[in-house]
Amino acid sequence: MSATFFRRTFTTTLRPFLSPRHHRHPFCSLPPQPHFPKSQTPSEKQFQTWVQFLKPGFTPSDVNQALNSQIDADLAYDIFRWTSQQRNYSHDSSTYLTMIQIAVANHRHRHAESLLEEVLAGACPVSLPLYNSLIRFCCSHRCLFNRAFDVYKKMLKEKSHDCKPNLDTYAMLFNVMLRKFNKLNVSYVYLNAVRSLTKQMKALGVVPDTYVLNMIIKAYAKCLQVDEAIRVFREMGLYGCEPNAFSFSCLVKGCCEKERVWQGFGFFKEMREKELVPTSSAYMVMACSLALERRFEDAVEVLRDMLGNSLKPDLLTYKTLLEEMCRDGKGMDALELLEEFRKTDVSMGERMYKTLLDSLHFVDRK
């Protein structure tokens, strides 16, 4: 009886709290939150503004204007993507070119790579400026070296002559290949590519300029294919090109490294007669080669001419000449020459002078 009374009393006491109106604890019920619209960032506001600006029926010209008006490259990319999803619109080569230029200029390389892959997959009609822009982007990134030639191969397959490679295309490809010519065994591998590219350029009727011909000469000279380098050098006149200091310097270095010093010195004298100044490396290679051939007077004249043109020989060049003179029994002449160079070469520091002086004394004691 007492248990039943207690149960009824407990239930009656809790009934108000167990009713639907009091299902939740009064302190746990929260008042309804007012709804505030989400504030837009400045970029979102700009995006919405340009979306409204691009009215239905917009053209690639309108999109180009919108893209070029953006300071933020990411916002331009968002507009580019949004427009591509609209009905009755598709990007053409001009909009892709604009977007790629914006992405590259603002270091958005991932965006540029995505656009590159889309163009290669046939996302839009192509044009020569678009192709060259893609090759330029690939050539500026070592990891995209092979992709540059994928673009080039696609250009060769184009039916329209307006999309075929031009002089700018070949200039970029030769330049990026020559960066690989850092070791002799590697250079031979890429030399075949240079030959192939040269033949294709001629087959398409593209007339090379001095810049492109110089790169071909350099490629042959770096691989010690001196006769081939000289052949291209002699053909420069056929294309209306005049050899410059770089052309001669490549031949001078190539001949000397091929141990044809007499021929290299002939090109050196020819360029000096034309009042062309060799590169520092050509001067130093020429002087060292002449010194090793025991042609000391010619080597000294080369170094004097180098200093007269405000170019500075390095330690190895000085040391090669002076030590070879000492080995030939001309130690005193070498010492006098060192003192002359010390006066004329303002960049020769005390440390270099002492190193050369110690070398002469060491050789003289032998």
Protein backbone atom coordinates (compact mmCIF):
# COMPACT_ATOMS: atom_id res chain seq x y z
CA MET A 1 0.00 0.00 0.00
CA SER A 2 2.77 2.38 0.93
CA ALA A 3 4.74 1.42 -2.20
CA THR A 4 1.72 2.10 -4.41
CA PHE A 5 1.19 5.48 -2.77
CA PHE A 6 4.84 6.41 -3.28
CA ARG A 7 4.75 5.45 -6.98
CA ARG A 8 1.59 7.56 -7.60
CA THR A 9 3.04 10.52 -5.72
CA PHE A 10 6.37 10.36 -7.68
CA THR A 11 4.55 10.09 -11.01
CA THR A 12 2.21 12.94 -10.18
CA THR A 13 5.16 15.15 -9.18
CA LEU A 14 7.07 14.51 -12.44
CA ARG A 15 4.00 14.70 -14.74
CA PRO A 16 4.44 18.40 -15.58
CA PHE A 17 8.04 17.77 -16.65
CA LEU A 18 7.18 14.65 -18.67
CA SER A 19 4.42 16.34 -20.66
CA PRO A 20 5.19 17.32 -24.31
CA ARG A 21 5.39 20.99 -23.39
CA HIS A 22 8.15 20.28 -20.91
CA HIS A 23 9.93 17.57 -22.84
CA ARG A 24 13.14 19.63 -22.72
CA HIS A 25 14.71 21.14 -19.70
CA PRO A 26 13.76 24.82 -19.49
CA PHE A 27 17.42 25.86 -19.34
CA CYS A 28 18.37 23.79 -22.39
CA SER A 29 15.82 25.22 -24.80
CA LEU A 30 17.36 27.93 -27.00
CA PRO A 31 15.42 30.75 -28.59
CA PRO A 32 15.24 30.63 -32.39
CA GLN A 33 18.31 32.21 -34.03
CA PRO A 34 17.72 35.08 -36.44
CA HIS A 35 18.86 34.33 -40.03
CA PHE A 36 21.54 36.66 -41.36
CA PRO A 37 22.68 36.37 -45.00
CA LYS A 38 26.33 35.30 -45.42
CA SER A 39 28.58 38.28 -46.17
CA GLN A 40 30.51 38.11 -49.41
CA THR A 41 34.25 38.56 -49.71
CA PRO A 42 35.55 41.26 -52.09
CA SER A 43 36.53 38.53 -54.58
CA GLU A 44 33.04 37.03 -54.47
CA LYS A 45 31.51 40.44 -55.00
CA GLN A 46 33.80 41.03 -58.00
CA PHE A 47 32.92 37.61 -59.38
CA GLN A 48 29.20 38.32 -59.07
CA THR A 49 29.70 41.71 -60.70
CA TRP A 50 31.41 40.22 -63.74
CA VAL A 51 28.93 37.39 -63.96
CA GLN A 52 26.16 39.98 -64.16
CA PHE A 53 28.22 41.97 -66.67
CA LEU A 54 28.45 38.94 -68.97
CA LYS A 55 24.88 38.94 -70.16
CA PRO A 56 23.34 35.95 -71.97
CA GLY A 57 24.77 35.55 -75.43
CA PHE A 58 28.26 36.79 -74.48
CA THR A 59 31.08 36.09 -76.92
CA PRO A 60 34.76 35.13 -76.54
CA SER A 61 35.57 38.80 -77.07
CA ASP A 62 33.45 39.69 -74.01
CA VAL A 63 35.18 36.99 -71.98
CA ASN A 64 38.60 38.27 -73.04
CA GLN A 65 37.64 41.72 -71.84
CA ALA A 66 36.49 40.31 -68.51
CA LEU A 67 39.68 38.28 -68.06
CA ASN A 68 42.01 41.16 -68.93
CA SER A 69 40.17 43.42 -66.49
CA GLN A 70 41.03 41.23 -63.49
CA ILE A 71 43.88 42.03 -61.15
CA ASP A 72 43.44 38.73 -59.31
CA ALA A 73 44.54 35.77 -61.47
CA ASP A 74 42.47 33.32 -59.43
CA LEU A 75 39.34 35.40 -60.02
CA ALA A 76 40.10 35.43 -63.75
CA TYR A 77 40.44 31.65 -63.67
CA ASP A 78 37.08 31.33 -61.89
CA ILE A 79 35.43 33.49 -64.55
CA PHE A 80 37.10 31.41 -67.27
CA ARG A 81 35.72 28.20 -65.75
CA TRP A 82 32.25 29.63 -65.12
CA THR A 83 31.85 30.86 -68.68
CA SER A 84 32.92 27.47 -70.08
CA GLN A 85 29.93 25.87 -68.31
CA GLN A 86 27.32 28.17 -69.81
CA ARG A 87 24.98 27.06 -72.55
CA ASN A 88 25.69 27.90 -76.17
CA TYR A 89 29.20 29.09 -75.38
CA SER A 90 32.66 27.55 -75.83
CA HIS A 91 36.10 29.06 -75.49
CA ASP A 92 38.20 29.71 -78.56
CA SER A 93 41.98 30.00 -79.00
CA SER A 94 41.98 33.67 -77.99
CA THR A 95 40.39 33.07 -74.57
CA TYR A 96 42.70 30.14 -73.85
CA LEU A 97 45.68 32.26 -74.89
CA THR A 98 44.57 35.12 -72.62
CA MET A 99 44.03 32.83 -69.65
CA ILE A 100 47.36 31.05 -70.12
CA GLN A 101 49.21 34.36 -70.32
CA ILE A 102 47.49 35.56 -67.13
CA ALA A 103 48.26 32.30 -65.32
CA VAL A 104 51.94 32.27 -66.33
CA ALA A 105 52.46 35.97 -65.57
CA ASN A 106 51.01 35.48 -62.08
CA HIS A 107 52.88 32.20 -61.39
CA ARG A 108 49.72 30.07 -61.39
CA HIS A 109 51.57 27.14 -62.93
CA ARG A 110 48.98 24.52 -62.02
CA HIS A 111 46.31 26.50 -63.82
CA ALA A 112 48.59 26.81 -66.85
CA GLU A 113 49.33 23.08 -66.86
CA SER A 114 45.61 22.29 -66.75
CA LEU A 115 45.00 24.60 -69.70
CA LEU A 116 47.93 23.04 -71.57
CA GLU A 117 46.46 19.55 -71.20
CA GLU A 118 43.04 20.78 -72.31
CA VAL A 119 44.41 22.35 -75.48
CA LEU A 120 46.37 19.20 -76.34
CA ALA A 121 43.18 17.19 -75.80
CA GLY A 122 41.35 19.37 -78.33
CA ALA A 123 39.33 21.61 -76.04
CA CYS A 124 39.37 24.51 -78.51
CA PRO A 125 40.41 25.47 -82.03
CA VAL A 126 44.12 26.24 -82.08
CA SER A 127 46.25 29.08 -83.40
CA LEU A 128 49.95 29.72 -83.85
CA PRO A 129 50.15 32.28 -80.99
CA LEU A 130 48.46 29.79 -78.65
CA TYR A 131 50.84 26.99 -79.62
CA ASN A 132 53.90 29.20 -79.19
CA SER A 133 52.60 30.41 -75.83
CA LEU A 134 52.31 26.79 -74.66
CA ILE A 135 55.82 25.96 -75.87
CA ARG A 136 57.21 29.04 -74.14
CA PHE A 137 55.56 27.96 -70.89
CA CYS A 138 56.92 24.40 -71.20
CA CYS A 139 60.43 25.62 -72.03
CA SER A 140 60.49 27.72 -68.86
CA HIS A 141 59.94 24.63 -66.67
CA ARG A 142 62.43 21.79 -66.71
CA CYS A 143 59.80 19.20 -65.80
CA LEU A 144 57.78 20.09 -68.94
CA PHE A 145 60.67 19.65 -71.39
CA ASN A 146 59.06 16.67 -73.15
CA ARG A 147 55.66 18.40 -73.20
CA ALA A 148 57.14 21.21 -75.31
CA PHE A 149 57.92 18.69 -78.04
CA ASP A 150 54.46 17.15 -77.71
CA VAL A 151 53.04 20.56 -78.58
CA TYR A 152 55.52 20.84 -81.46
CA LYS A 153 54.50 17.43 -82.86
CA LYS A 154 50.85 18.48 -82.70
CA MET A 155 51.76 21.61 -84.68
CA LEU A 156 53.40 19.52 -87.39
CA LYS A 157 50.17 17.52 -87.79
CA GLU A 158 48.03 20.61 -88.29
CA LYS A 159 46.50 20.86 -91.75
CA SER A 160 46.37 24.64 -91.71
CA HIS A 161 49.66 26.25 -92.68
CA ASP A 162 48.87 29.11 -90.29
CA CYS A 163 49.33 26.74 -87.33
CA LYS A 164 52.66 25.27 -88.49
CA PRO A 165 55.86 26.05 -86.50
CA ASN A 166 57.51 29.36 -87.29
CA LEU A 167 60.88 30.92 -86.48
CA ASP A 168 59.88 31.72 -82.89
CA THR A 169 58.90 28.08 -82.37
CA TYR A 170 62.29 26.79 -83.50
CA ALA A 171 64.18 29.45 -81.57
CA MET A 172 62.53 28.32 -78.32
CA LEU A 173 63.09 24.61 -79.02
CA PHE A 174 66.76 25.02 -79.99
CA ASN A 175 67.34 27.16 -76.92
CA VAL A 176 65.79 24.66 -74.50
CA MET A 177 67.78 21.80 -76.06
CA LEU A 178 71.08 23.63 -75.75
CA ARG A 179 70.54 23.84 -72.00
CA LYS A 180 71.05 20.08 -72.00
CA PHE A 181 74.51 20.43 -73.56
CA ASN A 182 76.34 20.52 -70.23
CA LYS A 183 78.26 17.25 -70.58
CA LEU A 184 79.85 15.84 -73.72
CA ASN A 185 78.21 12.40 -73.57
CA VAL A 186 74.79 13.98 -72.96
CA SER A 187 75.36 16.49 -75.74
CA TYR A 188 75.77 13.74 -78.33
CA VAL A 189 72.32 12.39 -77.44
CA TYR A 190 70.65 15.74 -78.07
CA LEU A 191 72.75 16.53 -81.14
CA ASN A 192 70.62 14.13 -83.18
CA ALA A 193 67.54 16.06 -82.07
CA VAL A 194 69.20 19.29 -83.24
CA ARG A 195 69.90 17.73 -86.64
CA SER A 196 66.32 16.50 -86.96
CA LEU A 197 64.88 19.84 -85.92
CA THR A 198 67.10 21.64 -88.45
CA LYS A 199 65.90 19.41 -91.29
CA GLN A 200 62.24 19.92 -90.33
CA MET A 201 62.75 23.67 -90.19
CA LYS A 202 64.19 23.71 -93.69
CA ALA A 203 61.47 21.36 -94.99
CA LEU A 204 58.78 23.77 -93.78
CA GLY A 205 60.52 26.66 -95.51
CA VAL A 206 61.28 28.53 -92.29
CA VAL A 207 64.23 30.87 -92.89
CA PRO A 208 66.54 30.92 -89.84
CA ASP A 209 68.04 34.08 -88.44
CA THR A 210 71.46 34.68 -86.85
CA TYR A 211 70.18 33.73 -83.39
CA VAL A 212 68.95 30.30 -84.50
CA LEU A 213 72.01 29.60 -86.66
CA ASN A 214 74.29 30.50 -83.77
CA MET A 215 72.56 27.91 -81.59
CA ILE A 216 73.05 25.27 -84.26
CA ILE A 217 76.74 26.22 -84.56
CA LYS A 218 77.10 26.03 -80.80
CA ALA A 219 75.50 22.59 -80.67
CA TYR A 220 77.95 21.21 -83.24
CA ALA A 221 80.93 22.95 -81.63
CA LYS A 222 80.04 21.65 -78.15
CA CYS A 223 80.06 18.11 -79.56
CA LEU A 224 83.38 18.80 -81.32
CA GLN A 225 81.71 18.43 -84.72
CA VAL A 226 83.82 21.32 -85.95
CA ASP A 227 83.40 20.69 -89.68
CA GLU A 228 79.61 20.73 -89.31
CA ALA A 229 79.79 23.93 -87.28
CA ILE A 230 81.95 25.58 -89.94
CA ARG A 231 79.55 24.44 -92.67
CA VAL A 232 76.62 26.14 -90.94
CA PHE A 233 78.82 29.20 -90.37
CA ARG A 234 79.59 29.42 -94.10
CA GLU A 235 75.89 29.04 -94.98
CA MET A 236 74.85 32.07 -92.93
CA GLY A 237 75.21 34.36 -95.94
CA LEU A 238 72.74 32.24 -97.91
CA TYR A 239 70.03 33.20 -95.40
CA GLY A 240 71.00 36.87 -95.41
CA CYS A 241 72.59 36.58 -91.94
CA GLU A 242 75.83 38.15 -90.82
CA PRO A 243 78.03 36.25 -88.31
CA ASN A 244 78.45 38.08 -85.03
CA ALA A 245 80.87 37.77 -82.11
CA PHE A 246 78.98 34.77 -80.72
CA SER A 247 79.26 32.92 -84.05
CA PHE A 248 83.04 33.35 -84.14
CA SER A 249 83.48 32.63 -80.44
CA CYS A 250 81.75 29.26 -80.79
CA LEU A 251 84.07 28.31 -83.64
CA VAL A 252 87.17 29.49 -81.77
CA LYS A 253 86.32 27.36 -78.74
CA GLY A 254 85.25 24.36 -80.83
CA CYS A 255 88.46 24.36 -82.89
CA CYS A 256 90.69 24.71 -79.83
CA GLU A 257 88.90 21.92 -77.97
CA LYS A 258 89.26 19.76 -81.09
CA GLU A 259 93.03 20.51 -80.96
CA ARG A 260 92.86 22.50 -84.19
CA VAL A 261 94.44 25.56 -82.62
CA TRP A 262 95.73 26.99 -85.88
CA GLN A 263 92.19 27.04 -87.29
CA GLY A 264 90.75 28.52 -84.13
CA PHE A 265 93.37 31.27 -84.16
CA GLY A 266 92.46 32.01 -87.77
CA PHE A 267 88.82 32.61 -86.79
CA PHE A 268 90.02 34.68 -83.85
CA LYS A 269 92.07 36.99 -86.08
CA GLU A 270 89.21 37.23 -88.60
CA MET A 271 86.77 38.39 -85.98
CA ARG A 272 89.21 40.92 -84.57
CA GLU A 273 89.69 42.30 -88.09
CA LYS A 274 85.92 42.78 -88.18
CA GLU A 275 86.21 44.59 -84.81
CA LEU A 276 84.12 41.93 -83.10
CA VAL A 277 84.97 41.27 -79.46
CA PRO A 278 85.13 37.58 -78.44
CA THR A 279 83.48 36.28 -75.31
CA SER A 280 85.58 35.89 -72.16
CA SER A 281 85.55 32.12 -72.48
CA ALA A 282 86.72 32.29 -76.12
CA TYR A 283 89.59 34.60 -75.14
CA MET A 284 90.73 32.30 -72.34
CA VAL A 285 90.43 29.07 -74.33
CA MET A 286 92.40 30.65 -77.16
CA ALA A 287 95.17 31.89 -74.84
CA CYS A 288 95.50 28.54 -73.04
CA SER A 289 95.54 26.59 -76.30
CA LEU A 290 98.26 28.81 -77.78
CA ALA A 291 100.32 28.51 -74.59
CA LEU A 292 100.13 24.71 -74.68
CA GLU A 293 101.30 24.88 -78.30
CA ARG A 294 104.29 26.98 -77.13
CA ARG A 295 103.05 29.95 -79.15
CA PHE A 296 103.72 32.34 -76.30
CA GLU A 297 103.82 35.59 -78.26
CA ASP A 298 100.39 34.95 -79.74
CA ALA A 299 99.02 33.88 -76.34
CA VAL A 300 100.34 37.06 -74.71
CA GLU A 301 98.80 39.21 -77.44
CA VAL A 302 95.44 37.48 -76.92
CA LEU A 303 95.53 38.25 -73.18
CA ARG A 304 96.62 41.84 -73.77
CA ASP A 305 93.74 42.25 -76.22
CA MET A 306 91.38 40.73 -73.66
CA LEU A 307 92.45 43.18 -70.96
CA GLY A 308 92.21 46.02 -73.48
CA ASN A 309 88.53 45.16 -73.92
CA SER A 310 87.92 45.29 -70.15
CA LEU A 311 87.60 41.51 -69.83
CA LYS A 312 89.43 39.70 -67.02
CA PRO A 313 91.32 36.39 -67.40
CA ASP A 314 90.90 33.87 -64.61
CA LEU A 315 93.61 32.24 -62.51
CA LEU A 316 93.80 29.11 -64.66
CA THR A 317 94.48 31.11 -67.84
CA TYR A 318 97.30 33.11 -66.26
CA LYS A 319 98.75 30.02 -64.63
CA THR A 320 98.70 27.97 -67.84
CA LEU A 321 100.58 30.62 -69.80
CA LEU A 322 103.16 31.42 -67.12
CA GLU A 323 103.89 27.82 -66.18
CA GLU A 324 104.30 26.76 -69.80
CA MET A 325 106.76 29.62 -70.29
CA CYS A 326 108.71 28.43 -67.27
CA ARG A 327 108.75 24.85 -68.53
CA ASP A 328 110.20 26.21 -71.77
CA GLY A 329 113.02 27.86 -69.84
CA LYS A 330 111.56 31.36 -69.93
CA GLY A 331 111.07 31.88 -66.23
CA MET A 332 112.38 35.45 -66.16
CA ASP A 333 110.15 36.40 -69.10
CA ALA A 334 107.22 34.88 -67.24
CA LEU A 335 108.07 36.91 -64.12
CA GLU A 336 108.24 40.15 -66.11
CA LEU A 337 104.96 39.29 -67.78
CA LEU A 338 103.32 38.65 -64.41
CA GLU A 339 104.37 42.11 -63.23
CA GLU A 340 102.93 43.63 -66.41
CA PHE A 341 99.60 41.86 -65.91
CA ARG A 342 99.54 42.94 -62.28
CA LYS A 343 99.61 46.57 -63.40
CA THR A 344 97.14 46.27 -66.26
CA ASP A 345 94.64 43.91 -64.60
CA VAL A 346 93.05 45.92 -61.79
CA SER A 347 91.02 42.88 -60.74
CA MET A 348 94.12 40.82 -59.93
CA GLY A 349 94.12 40.70 -56.16
CA GLU A 350 97.08 40.09 -53.87
CA ARG A 351 96.04 36.50 -53.33
CA MET A 352 96.02 35.68 -57.07
CA TYR A 353 99.34 37.46 -57.54
CA LYS A 354 101.02 35.48 -54.76
CA THR A 355 99.61 32.21 -56.09
CA LEU A 356 101.04 32.90 -59.54
CA LEU A 357 104.32 34.10 -58.11
CA ASP A 358 104.74 30.96 -55.99
CA SER A 359 103.99 28.85 -59.04
CA LEU A 360 106.74 30.56 -61.02
CA HIS A 361 109.32 30.11 -58.30
CA PHE A 362 108.42 26.46 -57.96
CA VAL A 363 108.80 25.84 -61.68
CA ASP A 364 112.05 27.86 -61.92
CA ARG A 365 113.68 25.72 -59.20
CA LYS A 366 113.16 22.66 -61.39
